[in-house]
Amino acid sequence: QVQLVESGGGFVQAGGSLRLSCAASGRTSIRMYAMGWLRPAPGKEREFVAAIALSNDEYYADSVNGRFSVSRDNSKTTVYLQMNSLKREDTAVYYCEGDNSMELLRTSRPTSWGQGTQVTVSA
C-alpha cells in the first residue's frame, strides 16, 4: 500500500502561482510508480491534470498545458505541480495519484491517491 500526502494548496489571485507537493511512502517499490495529479470537474468525479513517468516523460491535460509543470525529485518519491497563470476555473481540491500504469493515471483510475489539497483562485 502506498501513502500519498499532498501539501502546498491555498488562496491565490487569478494570474498568480502555487506549487503543490506530494510525498509518497509506505512501499519499497514506490520508485516503480508513475505519479501525477487529479481534480474534480463538472460532470466528472475527477479529471486528469498532469503526470510524470519514471522516465521523466510528462503528460498534461489540454486545459493546463503551458501553464502547469509537473516534476519529481531525484529519489522519485516526491512529485510537484507548479501552477502558473492560475484561473478561477482551476479552483479545486487537487489529489496526488500514483500507479504503475501511466494509462490508469491519464484516465483518472489510479491505484493510489491522497487526501487532497485545496486550491482557491479568486478574481
Protein backbone atom coordinates (compact mmCIF):
# COMPACT_ATOMS: atom_id res chain seq x y z
CA GLN A 1 0.00 0.00 0.00
CA VAL A 2 1.28 3.43 -0.93
CA GLN A 3 0.51 6.54 1.09
CA LEU A 4 0.38 9.87 -0.72
CA VAL A 5 0.31 13.16 1.21
CA GLU A 6 -0.27 16.47 -0.56
CA SER A 7 0.69 19.96 0.58
CA GLY A 8 1.01 23.48 -0.80
CA GLY A 9 -2.58 24.43 -1.55
CA GLY A 10 -4.01 27.81 -0.64
CA PHE A 11 -5.58 31.03 -1.87
CA VAL A 12 -4.20 32.97 -4.81
CA GLN A 13 -5.40 35.70 -7.14
CA ALA A 14 -6.05 34.96 -10.77
CA GLY A 15 -2.78 35.13 -12.68
CA GLY A 16 -0.79 34.02 -9.68
CA SER A 17 1.18 30.85 -8.96
CA LEU A 18 1.19 27.99 -6.49
CA ARG A 19 3.37 24.92 -6.09
CA LEU A 20 1.90 21.67 -4.83
CA SER A 21 3.93 18.81 -3.38
CA CYS A 22 3.12 15.15 -2.86
CA ALA A 23 5.23 12.81 -0.77
CA ALA A 24 4.92 9.07 -1.30
CA SER A 25 5.77 6.43 1.30
CA GLY A 26 4.86 3.00 2.55
CA ARG A 27 6.11 0.72 -0.16
CA THR A 28 9.69 -0.05 -1.17
CA SER A 29 8.79 -0.28 -4.84
CA ILE A 30 7.46 3.29 -4.95
CA ARG A 31 10.15 4.04 -7.45
CA MET A 32 8.23 1.87 -9.90
CA TYR A 33 5.36 4.33 -9.81
CA ALA A 34 4.27 6.99 -12.23
CA MET A 35 2.82 9.92 -10.25
CA GLY A 36 0.53 12.79 -11.04
CA TRP A 37 -2.45 14.94 -10.17
CA LEU A 38 -6.23 14.83 -10.44
CA ARG A 39 -9.01 17.29 -9.66
CA PRO A 40 -12.81 17.13 -9.70
CA ALA A 41 -14.52 18.61 -12.73
CA PRO A 42 -18.11 19.48 -13.64
CA GLY A 43 -19.90 16.32 -14.69
CA LYS A 44 -16.96 14.13 -13.68
CA GLU A 45 -15.83 12.60 -10.43
CA ARG A 46 -12.29 13.64 -11.26
CA GLU A 47 -10.22 14.64 -14.25
CA PHE A 48 -6.60 14.11 -15.12
CA VAL A 49 -4.39 17.18 -14.71
CA ALA A 50 -0.76 16.11 -15.15
CA ALA A 51 1.55 13.15 -14.60
CA ILE A 52 5.20 12.19 -14.83
CA ALA A 53 6.71 8.81 -15.57
CA LEU A 54 9.86 7.32 -14.09
CA SER A 55 11.46 8.17 -17.42
CA ASN A 56 10.50 11.80 -16.65
CA ASP A 57 8.15 11.93 -19.62
CA GLU A 58 5.43 14.47 -18.78
CA TYR A 59 1.74 14.45 -19.66
CA TYR A 60 -0.78 17.27 -19.33
CA ALA A 61 -4.47 17.90 -19.79
CA ASP A 62 -5.18 20.39 -22.57
CA SER A 63 -6.71 22.79 -20.03
CA VAL A 64 -3.42 23.21 -18.14
CA ASN A 65 -0.80 22.60 -20.83
CA GLY A 66 1.60 25.53 -20.98
CA ARG A 67 0.58 26.80 -17.54
CA PHE A 68 1.32 23.86 -15.23
CA SER A 69 4.53 21.89 -14.89
CA VAL A 70 4.96 18.51 -13.20
CA SER A 71 8.28 17.27 -11.84
CA ARG A 72 9.69 14.81 -9.32
CA ASP A 73 12.76 14.75 -7.11
CA ASN A 74 15.76 12.51 -7.64
CA SER A 75 14.53 9.98 -5.10
CA LYS A 76 11.36 9.60 -7.20
CA THR A 77 9.23 9.71 -4.06
CA THR A 78 8.05 13.32 -4.24
CA VAL A 79 6.15 14.87 -7.11
CA TYR A 80 5.50 18.59 -7.62
CA LEU A 81 2.95 20.58 -9.57
CA GLN A 82 3.98 24.12 -10.42
CA MET A 83 0.85 26.05 -11.34
CA ASN A 84 1.30 29.38 -13.12
CA SER A 85 -1.17 31.82 -14.67
CA LEU A 86 -3.90 30.39 -12.48
CA LYS A 87 -7.52 30.93 -13.49
CA ARG A 88 -10.69 30.85 -11.42
CA GLU A 89 -11.67 27.61 -13.12
CA ASP A 90 -8.54 25.99 -11.64
CA THR A 91 -10.19 26.22 -8.21
CA ALA A 92 -10.50 22.65 -6.92
CA VAL A 93 -9.19 20.07 -4.50
CA TYR A 94 -6.07 18.62 -6.13
CA TYR A 95 -5.35 14.96 -5.48
CA CYS A 96 -2.00 13.28 -5.91
CA GLU A 97 -2.19 9.95 -7.73
CA GLY A 98 0.20 7.06 -8.26
CA ASP A 99 0.22 3.85 -10.23
CA ASN A 100 2.49 1.52 -12.17
CA SER A 101 0.38 2.31 -15.22
CA MET A 102 0.54 5.75 -16.82
CA GLU A 103 -2.62 4.83 -18.73
CA LEU A 104 -4.53 4.46 -15.46
CA LEU A 105 -3.23 7.84 -14.29
CA ARG A 106 -4.22 9.57 -17.52
CA THR A 107 -7.70 8.04 -17.39
CA SER A 108 -8.14 9.05 -13.73
CA ARG A 109 -8.22 5.48 -12.41
CA PRO A 110 -5.14 5.28 -10.19
CA THR A 111 -4.46 2.58 -7.65
CA SER A 112 -3.41 5.12 -5.03
CA TRP A 113 -4.38 8.71 -4.30
CA GLY A 114 -4.07 11.15 -1.42
CA GLN A 115 -6.50 13.18 0.69
CA GLY A 116 -6.21 16.27 -1.47
CA THR A 117 -5.19 19.89 -1.02
CA GLN A 118 -7.50 22.82 -1.73
CA VAL A 119 -6.55 25.44 -4.31
CA THR A 120 -8.74 28.52 -4.49
CA VAL A 121 -8.23 31.14 -7.20
CA SER A 122 -10.00 34.46 -6.73
CA ALA A 123 -10.80 37.09 -9.31
